Amino acid sequence: MNKLILLVLSCTLVACTEGDDNDVVGYEGIIENIARTNLNSSVSPWNSSNTDNSGQRYQEILADGQIKRWDYNNTGLIPVKVNNVDIANSAMNRIEEELALVIFDRTSIQDTPDQDITRGIIVSYGTAFSPSGPACGHVSSHLNNTSMATNFYDERGEISGKFYLHLTSNTCIADTNIAIHEFGHVLGMYPHFEGFGIGPPIDNNFWNALYNIYNNDVGTLEEDLIIEAIY
């Protein structure tokens, strides 16, 4: 499918300041943040619009209430074309340190032309923008827009496909926290919550949510989540 769905601001970081950390939430708050940003498939960009055989458009809701993420365990590590962007490497180092997991493959697509990449993340420096104003970073399925393909995850909850991770614009120079925030989107965190784009780009509430998304299996139901607070 080549149909596109427009990304809302949940995937575009328009503020460059870090702000103050929010209070770190407990067990119920971690589940609430995960539900808001990942489990709920009725919000953009998890909800998608498709066309049936008669030409009628309909909304397709997949993996609602389930963990949606890259299946690095079975499909393979997440390929990243770093393009010598230092803050992208720093962001991936921090993410793997916090998750206590290796999830990124930083070599296999490094020399592959963008048009030949079908699965992975392409870091693009200097191309961040937002329809609503200055941007420090955003994620999209194409280089020159803010759109996402409708089929970037499946009914099981596995994320796949090609993603551009845009950092820095002519109005904002992204730092490592901005890069981590944008990686958070492409790893499966979309709508913002306090500590992830509401307030600072990231804080310890972000890390608790991302850790538990990647330490539960793809497709895990909310009621079956095993939650561990690392902060």
Protein backbone atom coordinates (compact mmCIF):
# COMPACT_ATOMS: atom_id res chain seq x y z
CA MET A 1 0.00 0.00 0.00
CA ASN A 2 1.20 3.46 -0.87
CA LYS A 3 -1.56 5.42 0.77
CA LEU A 4 -0.40 8.00 3.28
CA ILE A 5 -1.76 9.30 6.53
CA LEU A 6 -0.72 12.75 7.74
CA LEU A 7 1.26 12.75 10.94
CA VAL A 8 -0.08 15.02 13.63
CA LEU A 9 2.08 17.02 16.00
CA SER A 10 2.58 13.98 18.19
CA CYS A 11 5.42 13.06 15.84
CA THR A 12 6.89 16.53 15.41
CA LEU A 13 8.91 18.18 18.12
CA VAL A 14 8.47 21.93 17.79
CA ALA A 15 10.18 23.09 20.96
CA CYS A 16 13.93 22.86 21.50
CA THR A 17 14.07 23.47 25.24
CA GLU A 18 14.32 20.60 27.67
CA GLY A 19 12.23 22.09 30.49
CA ASP A 20 11.99 20.64 33.98
CA ASP A 21 11.43 16.98 34.76
CA ASN A 22 7.87 16.04 35.67
CA ASP A 23 7.20 13.95 38.75
CA VAL A 24 8.00 10.31 38.02
CA VAL A 25 4.76 8.35 37.99
CA GLY A 26 4.28 4.95 39.60
CA TYR A 27 2.96 1.63 38.31
CA GLU A 28 -0.48 2.86 37.26
CA GLY A 29 1.02 5.97 35.67
CA ILE A 30 3.47 3.91 33.62
CA ILE A 31 0.60 1.81 32.27
CA GLU A 32 -1.40 4.97 31.54
CA ASN A 33 1.51 6.50 29.60
CA ILE A 34 2.05 3.30 27.60
CA ALA A 35 -1.66 3.09 26.84
CA ARG A 36 -1.72 6.70 25.64
CA THR A 37 1.35 6.54 23.43
CA ASN A 38 1.34 2.93 22.20
CA LEU A 39 -1.55 0.65 23.11
CA ASN A 40 -4.41 2.87 21.87
CA SER A 41 -4.73 2.25 18.13
CA SER A 42 -7.64 4.68 17.67
CA VAL A 43 -5.36 7.75 17.56
CA SER A 44 -3.01 9.02 14.86
CA PRO A 45 -0.84 7.62 13.44
CA TRP A 46 -1.90 4.19 14.71
CA ASN A 47 -5.31 4.55 13.10
CA SER A 48 -5.16 4.34 9.34
CA SER A 49 -7.50 4.95 6.43
CA ASN A 50 -7.77 2.36 3.66
CA THR A 51 -9.98 1.79 0.61
CA ASP A 52 -12.10 -1.31 0.04
CA ASN A 53 -12.84 -3.00 -3.31
CA SER A 54 -15.78 -0.65 -3.96
CA GLY A 55 -13.63 2.44 -3.49
CA GLN A 56 -15.10 3.30 -0.10
CA ARG A 57 -12.67 4.53 2.53
CA TYR A 58 -12.72 2.97 5.97
CA GLN A 59 -10.68 3.26 9.14
CA GLU A 60 -8.63 0.23 10.05
CA ILE A 61 -7.75 -0.31 13.70
CA LEU A 62 -5.03 -2.92 14.21
CA ALA A 63 -3.52 -4.35 17.40
CA ASP A 64 -5.65 -2.14 19.63
CA GLY A 65 -4.73 -2.55 23.29
CA GLN A 66 -1.57 -4.44 22.33
CA ILE A 67 2.14 -3.61 22.45
CA LYS A 68 3.35 -2.30 19.10
CA ARG A 69 7.09 -2.24 18.47
CA TRP A 70 9.90 -3.55 16.25
CA ASP A 71 10.37 -7.30 16.71
CA TYR A 72 14.14 -7.12 17.05
CA ASN A 73 14.14 -10.57 18.73
CA ASN A 74 12.71 -12.52 15.76
CA THR A 75 12.75 -10.36 12.63
CA GLY A 76 16.16 -8.89 13.37
CA LEU A 77 17.82 -5.82 14.82
CA ILE A 78 16.53 -2.44 13.64
CA PRO A 79 18.73 -1.26 10.74
CA VAL A 80 19.79 2.38 11.00
CA LYS A 81 21.50 4.45 8.31
CA VAL A 82 23.27 6.87 10.63
CA ASN A 83 24.75 9.12 7.92
CA ASN A 84 27.53 10.21 10.31
CA VAL A 85 25.11 12.14 12.54
CA ASP A 86 26.81 12.08 15.94
CA ILE A 87 23.73 12.88 18.02
CA ALA A 88 21.95 9.91 16.42
CA ASN A 89 24.71 7.60 17.58
CA SER A 90 24.64 9.19 21.04
CA ALA A 91 20.87 8.73 21.18
CA MET A 92 21.09 5.06 20.23
CA ASN A 93 23.85 4.48 22.78
CA ARG A 94 21.69 5.96 25.53
CA ILE A 95 18.60 4.04 24.45
CA GLU A 96 20.41 0.70 24.45
CA GLU A 97 21.98 1.52 27.81
CA GLU A 98 18.61 2.35 29.38
CA LEU A 99 16.86 -0.67 27.87
CA ALA A 100 19.78 -2.98 28.72
CA LEU A 101 19.27 -4.36 25.21
CA VAL A 102 20.96 -4.22 21.83
CA ILE A 103 18.23 -3.33 19.34
CA PHE A 104 20.01 -1.34 16.59
CA ASP A 105 22.03 -2.55 13.60
CA ARG A 106 24.17 0.43 12.58
CA THR A 107 26.07 -1.08 9.65
CA SER A 108 23.99 -3.20 7.28
CA ILE A 109 22.22 -0.37 5.40
CA GLN A 110 24.83 2.35 5.83
CA ASP A 111 25.89 2.15 2.17
CA THR A 112 22.47 1.24 0.77
CA PRO A 113 20.76 3.91 -1.38
CA ASP A 114 17.68 5.28 0.39
CA GLN A 115 15.39 4.13 -2.40
CA ASP A 116 16.50 0.52 -1.92
CA ILE A 117 15.81 0.42 1.82
CA THR A 118 12.57 -1.31 2.77
CA ARG A 119 13.11 -1.84 6.52
CA GLY A 120 14.99 0.54 8.75
CA ILE A 121 15.58 4.09 9.93
CA ILE A 122 17.34 6.71 7.80
CA VAL A 123 18.74 9.63 9.81
CA SER A 124 18.37 12.89 7.89
CA TYR A 125 20.11 15.96 9.27
CA GLY A 126 18.82 19.46 8.53
CA THR A 127 15.44 18.40 7.10
CA ALA A 128 13.13 18.79 10.12
CA PHE A 129 9.99 20.84 9.59
CA SER A 130 6.41 21.10 10.76
CA PRO A 131 3.27 22.38 8.99
CA SER A 132 2.56 24.49 12.09
CA GLY A 133 5.92 26.15 12.66
CA PRO A 134 9.60 25.73 13.52
CA ALA A 135 10.65 22.17 14.27
CA CYS A 136 13.65 20.49 15.86
CA GLY A 137 12.79 17.01 14.61
CA HIS A 138 10.13 14.77 13.18
CA VAL A 139 9.58 11.26 11.82
CA SER A 140 8.07 10.38 8.45
CA SER A 141 7.96 7.66 5.80
CA HIS A 142 9.21 10.04 3.11
CA LEU A 143 12.01 12.56 2.97
CA ASN A 144 10.21 15.78 2.12
CA ASN A 145 7.00 15.58 4.12
CA THR A 146 5.54 14.66 7.51
CA SER A 147 3.47 11.69 6.31
CA MET A 148 3.52 8.07 7.42
CA ALA A 149 2.58 5.02 5.36
CA THR A 150 -0.63 3.39 6.56
CA ASN A 151 0.98 -0.03 6.73
CA PHE A 152 3.92 0.66 9.04
CA TYR A 153 2.73 -2.00 11.49
CA ASP A 154 0.66 -5.17 11.24
CA GLU A 155 -2.26 -6.80 13.03
CA ARG A 156 0.13 -8.47 15.45
CA GLY A 157 1.69 -5.13 16.41
CA GLU A 158 5.04 -5.50 14.68
CA ILE A 159 6.46 -2.21 13.38
CA SER A 160 8.38 -2.41 10.13
CA GLY A 161 9.05 -0.43 6.95
CA LYS A 162 11.21 2.57 6.08
CA PHE A 163 11.32 5.65 8.30
CA TYR A 164 13.13 8.97 8.00
CA LEU A 165 14.23 10.44 11.31
CA HIS A 166 14.68 14.18 10.72
CA LEU A 167 16.88 16.23 13.04
CA THR A 168 17.59 20.00 13.00
CA SER A 169 16.10 22.71 10.84
CA ASN A 170 17.09 26.23 9.91
CA THR A 171 15.39 27.45 13.09
CA CYS A 172 16.47 24.81 15.63
CA ILE A 173 19.57 22.71 16.20
CA ALA A 174 18.62 19.36 17.70
CA ASP A 175 20.54 17.93 20.64
CA THR A 176 20.80 14.35 21.93
CA ASN A 177 17.57 14.60 23.93
CA ILE A 178 15.70 15.72 20.81
CA ALA A 179 17.23 12.79 18.90
CA ILE A 180 16.17 10.36 21.65
CA HIS A 181 12.65 11.82 21.51
CA GLU A 182 12.43 11.23 17.76
CA PHE A 183 13.81 7.71 18.11
CA GLY A 184 11.09 7.21 20.71
CA HIS A 185 8.48 7.93 18.02
CA VAL A 186 9.93 5.55 15.48
CA LEU A 187 10.33 2.87 18.17
CA GLY A 188 6.59 2.95 18.86
CA MET A 189 5.78 5.95 21.05
CA TYR A 190 3.53 8.42 19.23
CA PRO A 191 1.09 10.62 21.19
CA HIS A 192 2.95 12.72 23.74
CA PHE A 193 2.53 12.59 27.51
CA GLU A 194 4.09 14.45 30.42
CA GLY A 195 7.79 13.75 30.19
CA PHE A 196 7.63 12.95 26.48
CA GLY A 197 7.04 16.15 24.54
CA ILE A 198 4.68 17.63 27.13
CA GLY A 199 7.26 19.47 29.19
CA PRO A 200 10.72 18.20 28.30
CA PRO A 201 11.45 16.14 25.17
CA ILE A 202 12.23 13.22 27.49
CA ASP A 203 12.50 12.55 31.20
CA ASN A 204 12.36 9.49 33.43
CA ASN A 205 8.68 8.92 32.61
CA PHE A 206 9.75 8.44 29.00
CA TRP A 207 12.39 5.90 29.98
CA ASN A 208 9.96 3.91 32.13
CA ALA A 209 7.49 3.71 29.22
CA LEU A 210 10.04 2.80 26.55
CA TYR A 211 11.70 0.21 28.78
CA ASN A 212 8.43 -1.60 29.37
CA ILE A 213 7.35 -1.45 25.72
CA TYR A 214 10.58 -3.21 24.73
CA ASN A 215 10.64 -5.62 27.65
CA ASN A 216 7.19 -6.98 26.82
CA ASP A 217 6.60 -9.05 23.70
CA VAL A 218 5.05 -7.66 20.52
CA GLY A 219 1.28 -8.03 20.81
CA THR A 220 1.15 -8.25 24.63
CA LEU A 221 -2.27 -7.14 25.90
CA GLU A 222 -2.51 -4.36 28.47
CA GLU A 223 -3.77 -6.72 31.15
CA ASP A 224 -0.80 -9.04 30.59
CA LEU A 225 1.95 -6.39 30.76
CA ILE A 226 4.81 -7.00 33.14
CA ILE A 227 5.76 -3.56 34.42
CA GLU A 228 9.08 -2.62 35.99
CA ALA A 229 9.94 0.91 37.04
CA ILE A 230 13.60 1.61 36.26
CA TYR A 231 13.27 5.14 37.73
